[in-house]
Amino acid sequence: MFFIISGWDHDDGLEHRLQIRPRHRAYYEALGDDLILSGPYLNDDGDPIGSMIIIRRESRDAAERFAAGDPFVMEGVFGAVTVSRWDWFMKRPPNLVTE
């Protein structure tokens, strides 16, 4: 199953984000092929203000546990986080395993 993890930074949190970002990226890169895609939400100036990450996990509980271990969550970069189940409907790679 696919899950979208959406995290929104605290206001004026860019410096804190940049300090924690290497650990955040390493955390998700460790998923290997279970990291489907990721990238930051940007403000009008092009600065990151949050993140959208799509991962493959066996259940919502597993996705929520993984999101809770994200350094951006544990170090307080994100002010809000949601985990939503997602189905890749259009332009889905034909050989992509969902579970």
PDB file of N, CA and C in Angstrom:
ATOM      1  N   MET A   1       0.840  -1.175   0.000  1.00  0.00           N
ATOM      2  CA  MET A   1       0.000   0.000   0.000  1.00  0.00           C
ATOM      3  C   MET A   1       0.885   1.239   0.000  1.00  0.00           C
ATOM      4  N   PHE A   2       0.379   2.288  -0.628  1.00  0.00           N
ATOM      5  CA  PHE A   2       1.094   3.560  -0.640  1.00  0.00           C
ATOM      6  C   PHE A   2       0.467   4.510   0.370  1.00  0.00           C
ATOM      7  N   PHE A   3       1.326   5.332   0.956  1.00  0.00           N
ATOM      8  CA  PHE A   3       0.878   6.345   1.910  1.00  0.00           C
ATOM      9  C   PHE A   3       1.616   7.646   1.636  1.00  0.00           C
ATOM     10  N   ILE A   4       0.869   8.742   1.711  1.00  0.00           N
ATOM     11  CA  ILE A   4       1.467  10.069   1.620  1.00  0.00           C
ATOM     12  C   ILE A   4       1.660  10.592   3.033  1.00  0.00           C
ATOM     13  N   ILE A   5       2.868  10.976   3.322  1.00  0.00           N
ATOM     14  CA  ILE A   5       3.168  11.666   4.577  1.00  0.00           C
ATOM     15  C   ILE A   5       3.334  13.136   4.224  1.00  0.00           C
ATOM     16  N   SER A   6       2.461  13.965   4.775  1.00  0.00           N
ATOM     17  CA  SER A   6       2.539  15.418   4.566  1.00  0.00           C
ATOM     18  C   SER A   6       2.914  16.068   5.884  1.00  0.00           C
ATOM     19  N   GLY A   7       4.003  16.808   5.864  1.00  0.00           N
ATOM     20  CA  GLY A   7       4.433  17.535   7.048  1.00  0.00           C
ATOM     21  C   GLY A   7       4.557  19.002   6.724  1.00  0.00           C
ATOM     22  N   TRP A   8       4.088  19.839   7.623  1.00  0.00           N
ATOM     23  CA  TRP A   8       4.148  21.288   7.449  1.00  0.00           C
ATOM     24  C   TRP A   8       4.995  21.879   8.556  1.00  0.00           C
ATOM     25  N   ASP A   9       5.980  22.654   8.156  1.00  0.00           N
ATOM     26  CA  ASP A   9       6.925  23.235   9.104  1.00  0.00           C
ATOM     27  C   ASP A   9       6.252  24.278  10.004  1.00  0.00           C
ATOM     28  N   HIS A  10       6.861  24.455  11.168  1.00  0.00           N
ATOM     29  CA  HIS A  10       6.490  25.589  12.019  1.00  0.00           C
ATOM     30  C   HIS A  10       6.843  26.876  11.272  1.00  0.00           C
ATOM     31  N   ASP A  11       6.143  27.944  11.561  1.00  0.00           N
ATOM     32  CA  ASP A  11       6.461  29.239  10.947  1.00  0.00           C
ATOM     33  C   ASP A  11       7.909  29.615  11.249  1.00  0.00           C
ATOM     34  N   ASP A  12       8.550  30.220  10.276  1.00  0.00           N
ATOM     35  CA  ASP A  12       9.937  30.668  10.413  1.00  0.00           C
ATOM     36  C   ASP A  12      10.874  29.541  10.841  1.00  0.00           C
ATOM     37  N   GLY A  13      10.664  28.344  10.280  1.00  0.00           N
ATOM     38  CA  GLY A  13      11.457  27.195  10.681  1.00  0.00           C
ATOM     39  C   GLY A  13      12.526  26.777   9.694  1.00  0.00           C
ATOM     40  N   LEU A  14      12.837  27.625   8.711  1.00  0.00           N
ATOM     41  CA  LEU A  14      13.765  27.233   7.662  1.00  0.00           C
ATOM     42  C   LEU A  14      15.140  26.839   8.213  1.00  0.00           C
ATOM     43  N   GLU A  15      15.695  27.625   9.106  1.00  0.00           N
ATOM     44  CA  GLU A  15      17.027  27.322   9.635  1.00  0.00           C
ATOM     45  C   GLU A  15      17.038  25.975  10.354  1.00  0.00           C
ATOM     46  N   HIS A  16      16.010  25.741  11.159  1.00  0.00           N
ATOM     47  CA  HIS A  16      15.908  24.465  11.872  1.00  0.00           C
ATOM     48  C   HIS A  16      15.779  23.311  10.880  1.00  0.00           C
ATOM     49  N   ARG A  17      14.958  23.469   9.843  1.00  0.00           N
ATOM     50  CA  ARG A  17      14.798  22.461   8.790  1.00  0.00           C
ATOM     51  C   ARG A  17      16.152  22.128   8.167  1.00  0.00           C
ATOM     52  N   LEU A  18      16.908  23.159   7.819  1.00  0.00           N
ATOM     53  CA  LEU A  18      18.185  22.934   7.146  1.00  0.00           C
ATOM     54  C   LEU A  18      19.177  22.197   8.040  1.00  0.00           C
ATOM     55  N   GLN A  19      19.105  22.422   9.347  1.00  0.00           N
ATOM     56  CA  GLN A  19      19.989  21.723  10.281  1.00  0.00           C
ATOM     57  C   GLN A  19      19.668  20.234  10.357  1.00  0.00           C
ATOM     58  N   ILE A  20      18.398  19.884  10.313  1.00  0.00           N
ATOM     59  CA  ILE A  20      17.947  18.506  10.505  1.00  0.00           C
ATOM     60  C   ILE A  20      17.849  17.754   9.179  1.00  0.00           C
ATOM     61  N   ARG A  21      17.802  18.457   8.067  1.00  0.00           N
ATOM     62  CA  ARG A  21      17.527  17.852   6.762  1.00  0.00           C
ATOM     63  C   ARG A  21      18.421  16.659   6.412  1.00  0.00           C
ATOM     64  N   PRO A  22      19.728  16.663   6.655  1.00  0.00           N
ATOM     65  CA  PRO A  22      20.518  15.475   6.290  1.00  0.00           C
ATOM     66  C   PRO A  22      20.017  14.190   6.973  1.00  0.00           C
ATOM     67  N   ARG A  23      19.623  14.279   8.234  1.00  0.00           N
ATOM     68  CA  ARG A  23      19.106  13.093   8.941  1.00  0.00           C
ATOM     69  C   ARG A  23      17.729  12.697   8.425  1.00  0.00           C
ATOM     70  N   HIS A  24      16.902  13.683   8.094  1.00  0.00           N
ATOM     71  CA  HIS A  24      15.576  13.421   7.510  1.00  0.00           C
ATOM     72  C   HIS A  24      15.728  12.673   6.184  1.00  0.00           C
ATOM     73  N   ARG A  25      16.598  13.156   5.338  1.00  0.00           N
ATOM     74  CA  ARG A  25      16.805  12.505   4.031  1.00  0.00           C
ATOM     75  C   ARG A  25      17.359  11.098   4.191  1.00  0.00           C
ATOM     76  N   ALA A  26      18.319  10.913   5.060  1.00  0.00           N
ATOM     77  CA  ALA A  26      18.897   9.584   5.275  1.00  0.00           C
ATOM     78  C   ALA A  26      17.849   8.605   5.803  1.00  0.00           C
ATOM     79  N   TYR A  27      16.959   9.090   6.652  1.00  0.00           N
ATOM     80  CA  TYR A  27      15.898   8.247   7.215  1.00  0.00           C
ATOM     81  C   TYR A  27      15.029   7.666   6.100  1.00  0.00           C
ATOM     82  N   TYR A  28      14.628   8.516   5.169  1.00  0.00           N
ATOM     83  CA  TYR A  28      13.779   8.043   4.074  1.00  0.00           C
ATOM     84  C   TYR A  28      14.564   7.285   3.013  1.00  0.00           C
ATOM     85  N   GLU A  29      15.786   7.681   2.741  1.00  0.00           N
ATOM     86  CA  GLU A  29      16.602   6.948   1.760  1.00  0.00           C
ATOM     87  C   GLU A  29      16.835   5.505   2.202  1.00  0.00           C
ATOM     88  N   ALA A  30      16.835   5.265   3.500  1.00  0.00           N
ATOM     89  CA  ALA A  30      17.023   3.911   4.016  1.00  0.00           C
ATOM     90  C   ALA A  30      15.875   2.976   3.632  1.00  0.00           C
ATOM     91  N   LEU A  31      14.754   3.535   3.180  1.00  0.00           N
ATOM     92  CA  LEU A  31      13.633   2.701   2.723  1.00  0.00           C
ATOM     93  C   LEU A  31      13.934   1.993   1.407  1.00  0.00           C
ATOM     94  N   GLY A  32      14.931   2.449   0.682  1.00  0.00           N
ATOM     95  CA  GLY A  32      15.230   1.847  -0.617  1.00  0.00           C
ATOM     96  C   GLY A  32      14.058   1.992  -1.570  1.00  0.00           C
ATOM     97  N   ASP A  33      13.636   0.876  -2.155  1.00  0.00           N
ATOM     98  CA  ASP A  33      12.542   0.907  -3.133  1.00  0.00           C
ATOM     99  C   ASP A  33      11.182   1.227  -2.522  1.00  0.00           C
ATOM    100  N   ASP A  34      11.069   1.205  -1.196  1.00  0.00           N
ATOM    101  CA  ASP A  34       9.802   1.553  -0.550  1.00  0.00           C
ATOM    102  C   ASP A  34       9.613   3.059  -0.407  1.00  0.00           C
ATOM    103  N   LEU A  35      10.626   3.837  -0.758  1.00  0.00           N
ATOM    104  CA  LEU A  35      10.467   5.286  -0.910  1.00  0.00           C
ATOM    105  C   LEU A  35      10.074   5.506  -2.368  1.00  0.00           C
ATOM    106  N   ILE A  36       8.862   5.960  -2.584  1.00  0.00           N
ATOM    107  CA  ILE A  36       8.336   6.101  -3.939  1.00  0.00           C
ATOM    108  C   ILE A  36       8.726   7.455  -4.524  1.00  0.00           C
ATOM    109  N   LEU A  37       8.487   8.527  -3.790  1.00  0.00           N
ATOM    110  CA  LEU A  37       8.929   9.860  -4.203  1.00  0.00           C
ATOM    111  C   LEU A  37       8.815  10.802  -3.030  1.00  0.00           C
ATOM    112  N   SER A  38       9.527  11.907  -3.125  1.00  0.00           N
ATOM    113  CA  SER A  38       9.460  12.891  -2.043  1.00  0.00           C
ATOM    114  C   SER A  38       9.926  14.244  -2.547  1.00  0.00           C
ATOM    115  N   GLY A  39       9.534  15.261  -1.824  1.00  0.00           N
ATOM    116  CA  GLY A  39       9.971  16.606  -2.138  1.00  0.00           C
ATOM    117  C   GLY A  39       9.308  17.608  -1.219  1.00  0.00           C
ATOM    118  N   PRO A  40       9.860  18.818  -1.181  1.00  0.00           N
ATOM    119  CA  PRO A  40       9.328  19.836  -0.285  1.00  0.00           C
ATOM    120  C   PRO A  40       8.161  20.607  -0.893  1.00  0.00           C
ATOM    121  N   TYR A  41       7.277  21.062  -0.011  1.00  0.00           N
ATOM    122  CA  TYR A  41       6.325  22.106  -0.374  1.00  0.00           C
ATOM    123  C   TYR A  41       7.111  23.411  -0.321  1.00  0.00           C
ATOM    124  N   LEU A  42       6.816  24.335  -1.236  1.00  0.00           N
ATOM    125  CA  LEU A  42       7.559  25.595  -1.309  1.00  0.00           C
ATOM    126  C   LEU A  42       6.631  26.786  -1.136  1.00  0.00           C
ATOM    127  N   ASN A  43       7.149  27.839  -0.522  1.00  0.00           N
ATOM    128  CA  ASN A  43       6.394  29.093  -0.477  1.00  0.00           C
ATOM    129  C   ASN A  43       6.620  29.860  -1.786  1.00  0.00           C
ATOM    130  N   ASP A  44       6.045  31.021  -1.909  1.00  0.00           N
ATOM    131  CA  ASP A  44       6.155  31.792  -3.152  1.00  0.00           C
ATOM    132  C   ASP A  44       7.574  32.246  -3.452  1.00  0.00           C
ATOM    133  N   ASP A  45       8.433  32.269  -2.438  1.00  0.00           N
ATOM    134  CA  ASP A  45       9.838  32.636  -2.642  1.00  0.00           C
ATOM    135  C   ASP A  45      10.704  31.429  -3.003  1.00  0.00           C
ATOM    136  N   GLY A  46      10.096  30.228  -3.017  1.00  0.00           N
ATOM    137  CA  GLY A  46      10.846  29.019  -3.337  1.00  0.00           C
ATOM    138  C   GLY A  46      11.507  28.363  -2.144  1.00  0.00           C
ATOM    139  N   ASP A  47      11.213  28.829  -0.938  1.00  0.00           N
ATOM    140  CA  ASP A  47      11.778  28.226   0.271  1.00  0.00           C
ATOM    141  C   ASP A  47      10.910  27.058   0.735  1.00  0.00           C
ATOM    142  N   PRO A  48      11.511  25.973   1.217  1.00  0.00           N
ATOM    143  CA  PRO A  48      10.723  24.841   1.700  1.00  0.00           C
ATOM    144  C   PRO A  48       9.952  25.193   2.971  1.00  0.00           C
ATOM    145  N   ILE A  49       8.694  24.752   3.015  1.00  0.00           N
ATOM    146  CA  ILE A  49       7.820  25.003   4.165  1.00  0.00           C
ATOM    147  C   ILE A  49       7.142  23.725   4.654  1.00  0.00           C
ATOM    148  N   GLY A  50       7.516  22.608   4.067  1.00  0.00           N
ATOM    149  CA  GLY A  50       6.934  21.321   4.435  1.00  0.00           C
ATOM    150  C   GLY A  50       7.446  20.254   3.496  1.00  0.00           C
ATOM    151  N   SER A  51       6.912  19.056   3.651  1.00  0.00           N
ATOM    152  CA  SER A  51       7.364  17.934   2.823  1.00  0.00           C
ATOM    153  C   SER A  51       6.199  17.022   2.468  1.00  0.00           C
ATOM    154  N   MET A  52       6.268  16.460   1.269  1.00  0.00           N
ATOM    155  CA  MET A  52       5.360  15.400   0.860  1.00  0.00           C
ATOM    156  C   MET A  52       6.216  14.200   0.497  1.00  0.00           C
ATOM    157  N   ILE A  53       5.956  13.082   1.149  1.00  0.00           N
ATOM    158  CA  ILE A  53       6.720  11.868   0.926  1.00  0.00           C
ATOM    159  C   ILE A  53       5.725  10.738   0.684  1.00  0.00           C
ATOM    160  N   ILE A  54       5.957   9.956  -0.351  1.00  0.00           N
ATOM    161  CA  ILE A  54       5.118   8.790  -0.605  1.00  0.00           C
ATOM    162  C   ILE A  54       5.963   7.552  -0.355  1.00  0.00           C
ATOM    163  N   ILE A  55       5.446   6.703   0.537  1.00  0.00           N
ATOM    164  CA  ILE A  55       6.147   5.480   0.902  1.00  0.00           C
ATOM    165  C   ILE A  55       5.237   4.272   0.705  1.00  0.00           C
ATOM    166  N   ARG A  56       5.860   3.114   0.624  1.00  0.00           N
ATOM    167  CA  ARG A  56       5.116   1.856   0.580  1.00  0.00           C
ATOM    168  C   ARG A  56       5.304   1.191   1.952  1.00  0.00           C
ATOM    169  N   ARG A  57       4.209   0.863   2.594  1.00  0.00           N
ATOM    170  CA  ARG A  57       4.201   0.150   3.871  1.00  0.00           C
ATOM    171  C   ARG A  57       3.062  -0.864   3.836  1.00  0.00           C
ATOM    172  N   GLU A  58       3.123  -1.849   4.707  1.00  0.00           N
ATOM    173  CA  GLU A  58       2.131  -2.917   4.699  1.00  0.00           C
ATOM    174  C   GLU A  58       0.806  -2.539   5.349  1.00  0.00           C
ATOM    175  N   SER A  59       0.776  -1.435   6.097  1.00  0.00           N
ATOM    176  CA  SER A  59      -0.457  -1.015   6.772  1.00  0.00           C
ATOM    177  C   SER A  59      -0.360   0.466   7.149  1.00  0.00           C
ATOM    178  N   ARG A  60      -1.509   1.045   7.464  1.00  0.00           N
ATOM    179  CA  ARG A  60      -1.534   2.432   7.944  1.00  0.00           C
ATOM    180  C   ARG A  60      -0.724   2.552   9.230  1.00  0.00           C
ATOM    181  N   ASP A  61      -0.886   1.583  10.117  1.00  0.00           N
ATOM    182  CA  ASP A  61      -0.150   1.628  11.380  1.00  0.00           C
ATOM    183  C   ASP A  61       1.354   1.663  11.136  1.00  0.00           C
ATOM    184  N   ALA A  62       1.826   0.834  10.206  1.00  0.00           N
ATOM    185  CA  ALA A  62       3.261   0.815   9.889  1.00  0.00           C
ATOM    186  C   ALA A  62       3.706   2.152   9.294  1.00  0.00           C
ATOM    187  N   ALA A  63       2.876   2.751   8.445  1.00  0.00           N
ATOM    188  CA  ALA A  63       3.210   4.054   7.859  1.00  0.00           C
ATOM    189  C   ALA A  63       3.232   5.141   8.932  1.00  0.00           C
ATOM    190  N   GLU A  64       2.276   5.104   9.843  1.00  0.00           N
ATOM    191  CA  GLU A  64       2.238   6.105  10.914  1.00  0.00           C
ATOM    192  C   GLU A  64       3.424   5.953  11.860  1.00  0.00           C
ATOM    193  N   ARG A  65       3.802   4.711  12.159  1.00  0.00           N
ATOM    194  CA  ARG A  65       4.984   4.485  13.008  1.00  0.00           C
ATOM    195  C   ARG A  65       6.239   5.005  12.323  1.00  0.00           C
ATOM    196  N   PHE A  66       6.350   4.751  11.005  1.00  0.00           N
ATOM    197  CA  PHE A  66       7.526   5.226  10.290  1.00  0.00           C
ATOM    198  C   PHE A  66       7.563   6.748  10.292  1.00  0.00           C
ATOM    199  N   ALA A  67       6.434   7.383  10.012  1.00  0.00           N
ATOM    200  CA  ALA A  67       6.377   8.852  10.004  1.00  0.00           C
ATOM    201  C   ALA A  67       6.758   9.424  11.369  1.00  0.00           C
ATOM    202  N   ALA A  68       6.334   8.765  12.429  1.00  0.00           N
ATOM    203  CA  ALA A  68       6.633   9.256  13.782  1.00  0.00           C
ATOM    204  C   ALA A  68       8.125   9.224  14.089  1.00  0.00           C
ATOM    205  N   GLY A  69       8.886   8.358  13.408  1.00  0.00           N
ATOM    206  CA  GLY A  69      10.322   8.275  13.626  1.00  0.00           C
ATOM    207  C   GLY A  69      11.145   9.225  12.779  1.00  0.00           C
ATOM    208  N   ASP A  70      10.490   9.983  11.894  1.00  0.00           N
ATOM    209  CA  ASP A  70      11.179  10.946  11.027  1.00  0.00           C
ATOM    210  C   ASP A  70      11.872  11.999  11.897  1.00  0.00           C
ATOM    211  N   PRO A  71      13.155  12.270  11.657  1.00  0.00           N
ATOM    212  CA  PRO A  71      13.825  13.321  12.421  1.00  0.00           C
ATOM    213  C   PRO A  71      13.113  14.677  12.369  1.00  0.00           C
ATOM    214  N   PHE A  72      12.426  14.990  11.279  1.00  0.00           N
ATOM    215  CA  PHE A  72      11.663  16.245  11.233  1.00  0.00           C
ATOM    216  C   PHE A  72      10.527  16.227  12.253  1.00  0.00           C
ATOM    217  N   VAL A  73       9.966  15.065  12.529  1.00  0.00           N
ATOM    218  CA  VAL A  73       8.927  14.941  13.552  1.00  0.00           C
ATOM    219  C   VAL A  73       9.568  14.963  14.929  1.00  0.00           C
ATOM    220  N   MET A  74      10.568  14.123  15.121  1.00  0.00           N
ATOM    221  CA  MET A  74      11.178  13.972  16.438  1.00  0.00           C
ATOM    222  C   MET A  74      11.907  15.231  16.910  1.00  0.00           C
ATOM    223  N   GLU A  75      12.420  16.022  15.967  1.00  0.00           N
ATOM    224  CA  GLU A  75      13.157  17.241  16.321  1.00  0.00           C
ATOM    225  C   GLU A  75      12.295  18.499  16.223  1.00  0.00           C
ATOM    226  N   GLY A  76      11.002  18.341  15.954  1.00  0.00           N
ATOM    227  CA  GLY A  76      10.080  19.475  15.984  1.00  0.00           C
ATOM    228  C   GLY A  76      10.144  20.406  14.785  1.00  0.00           C
ATOM    229  N   VAL A  77      10.648  19.935  13.652  1.00  0.00           N
ATOM    230  CA  VAL A  77      10.617  20.763  12.444  1.00  0.00           C
ATOM    231  C   VAL A  77       9.176  20.898  11.967  1.00  0.00           C
ATOM    232  N   PHE A  78       8.457  19.766  11.932  1.00  0.00           N
ATOM    233  CA  PHE A  78       7.063  19.785  11.499  1.00  0.00           C
ATOM    234  C   PHE A  78       6.158  20.238  12.640  1.00  0.00           C
ATOM    235  N   GLY A  79       5.262  21.145  12.317  1.00  0.00           N
ATOM    236  CA  GLY A  79       4.224  21.541  13.261  1.00  0.00           C
ATOM    237  C   GLY A  79       2.988  20.679  13.116  1.00  0.00           C
ATOM    238  N   ALA A  80       2.794  20.089  11.943  1.00  0.00           N
ATOM    239  CA  ALA A  80       1.642  19.231  11.678  1.00  0.00           C
ATOM    240  C   ALA A  80       2.056  18.146  10.693  1.00  0.00           C
ATOM    241  N   VAL A  81       1.536  16.941  10.910  1.00  0.00           N
ATOM    242  CA  VAL A  81       1.830  15.797  10.039  1.00  0.00           C
ATOM    243  C   VAL A  81       0.550  15.009   9.824  1.00  0.00           C
ATOM    244  N   THR A  82       0.318  14.592   8.574  1.00  0.00           N
ATOM    245  CA  THR A  82      -0.776  13.677   8.280  1.00  0.00           C
ATOM    246  C   THR A  82      -0.224  12.493   7.495  1.00  0.00           C
ATOM    247  N   VAL A  83      -0.876  11.363   7.659  1.00  0.00           N
ATOM    248  CA  VAL A  83      -0.553  10.151   6.900  1.00  0.00           C
ATOM    249  C   VAL A  83      -1.846   9.697   6.242  1.00  0.00           C
ATOM    250  N   SER A  84      -1.825   9.606   4.913  1.00  0.00           N
ATOM    251  CA  SER A  84      -3.021   9.255   4.156  1.00  0.00           C
ATOM    252  C   SER A  84      -2.721   8.128   3.183  1.00  0.00           C
ATOM    253  N   ARG A  85      -3.617   7.161   3.121  1.00  0.00           N
ATOM    254  CA  ARG A  85      -3.459   6.106   2.116  1.00  0.00           C
ATOM    255  C   ARG A  85      -3.695   6.717   0.744  1.00  0.00           C
ATOM    256  N   TRP A  86      -2.954   6.205  -0.259  1.00  0.00           N
ATOM    257  CA  TRP A  86      -2.970   6.823  -1.587  1.00  0.00           C
ATOM    258  C   TRP A  86      -2.910   5.740  -2.654  1.00  0.00           C
ATOM    259  N   ASP A  87      -3.599   5.973  -3.764  1.00  0.00           N
ATOM    260  CA  ASP A  87      -3.551   5.072  -4.906  1.00  0.00           C
ATOM    261  C   ASP A  87      -3.014   5.833  -6.102  1.00  0.00           C
ATOM    262  N   TRP A  88      -1.975   5.310  -6.690  1.00  0.00           N
ATOM    263  CA  TRP A  88      -1.366   5.934  -7.875  1.00  0.00           C
ATOM    264  C   TRP A  88      -2.206   5.524  -9.069  1.00  0.00           C
ATOM    265  N   PHE A  89      -3.056   6.402  -9.539  1.00  0.00           N
ATOM    266  CA  PHE A  89      -4.035   6.073 -10.566  1.00  0.00           C
ATOM    267  C   PHE A  89      -3.532   6.360 -11.978  1.00  0.00           C
ATOM    268  N   MET A  90      -3.037   7.553 -12.218  1.00  0.00           N
ATOM    269  CA  MET A  90      -2.614   7.937 -13.566  1.00  0.00           C
ATOM    270  C   MET A  90      -1.088   7.989 -13.650  1.00  0.00           C
ATOM    271  N   LYS A  91      -0.564   7.571 -14.801  1.00  0.00           N
ATOM    272  CA  LYS A  91       0.875   7.569 -15.084  1.00  0.00           C
ATOM    273  C   LYS A  91       1.664   6.707 -14.100  1.00  0.00           C
ATOM    274  N   ARG A  92       1.018   5.709 -13.599  1.00  0.00           N
ATOM    275  CA  ARG A  92       1.673   4.771 -12.684  1.00  0.00           C
ATOM    276  C   ARG A  92       2.618   3.866 -13.479  1.00  0.00           C
ATOM    277  N   PRO A  93       3.861   3.718 -13.037  1.00  0.00           N
ATOM    278  CA  PRO A  93       4.768   2.811 -13.737  1.00  0.00           C
ATOM    279  C   PRO A  93       4.178   1.390 -13.771  1.00  0.00           C
ATOM    280  N   PRO A  94       4.191   0.748 -14.918  1.00  0.00           N
ATOM    281  CA  PRO A  94       3.522  -0.548 -15.052  1.00  0.00           C
ATOM    282  C   PRO A  94       4.113  -1.654 -14.172  1.00  0.00           C
ATOM    283  N   ASN A  95       5.363  -1.577 -13.817  1.00  0.00           N
ATOM    284  CA  ASN A  95       5.990  -2.636 -13.022  1.00  0.00           C
ATOM    285  C   ASN A  95       6.079  -2.304 -11.533  1.00  0.00           C
ATOM    286  N   LEU A  96       5.407  -1.268 -11.086  1.00  0.00           N
ATOM    287  CA  LEU A  96       5.483  -0.836  -9.688  1.00  0.00           C
ATOM    288  C   LEU A  96       4.661  -1.781  -8.812  1.00  0.00           C
ATOM    289  N   VAL A  97       5.296  -2.352  -7.823  1.00  0.00           N
ATOM    290  CA  VAL A  97       4.629  -3.246  -6.863  1.00  0.00           C
ATOM    291  C   VAL A  97       4.004  -2.384  -5.786  1.00  0.00           C
ATOM    292  N   THR A  98       2.715  -2.629  -5.481  1.00  0.00           N
ATOM    293  CA  THR A  98       2.024  -1.805  -4.500  1.00  0.00           C
ATOM    294  C   THR A  98       2.126  -2.347  -3.079  1.00  0.00           C
ATOM    295  N   GLU A  99       2.355  -3.630  -2.937  1.00  0.00           N
ATOM    296  CA  GLU A  99       2.394  -4.202  -1.575  1.00  0.00           C
ATOM    297  C   GLU A  99       3.616  -5.049  -1.391  1.00  0.00           C
TER     298      GLU A  99
END
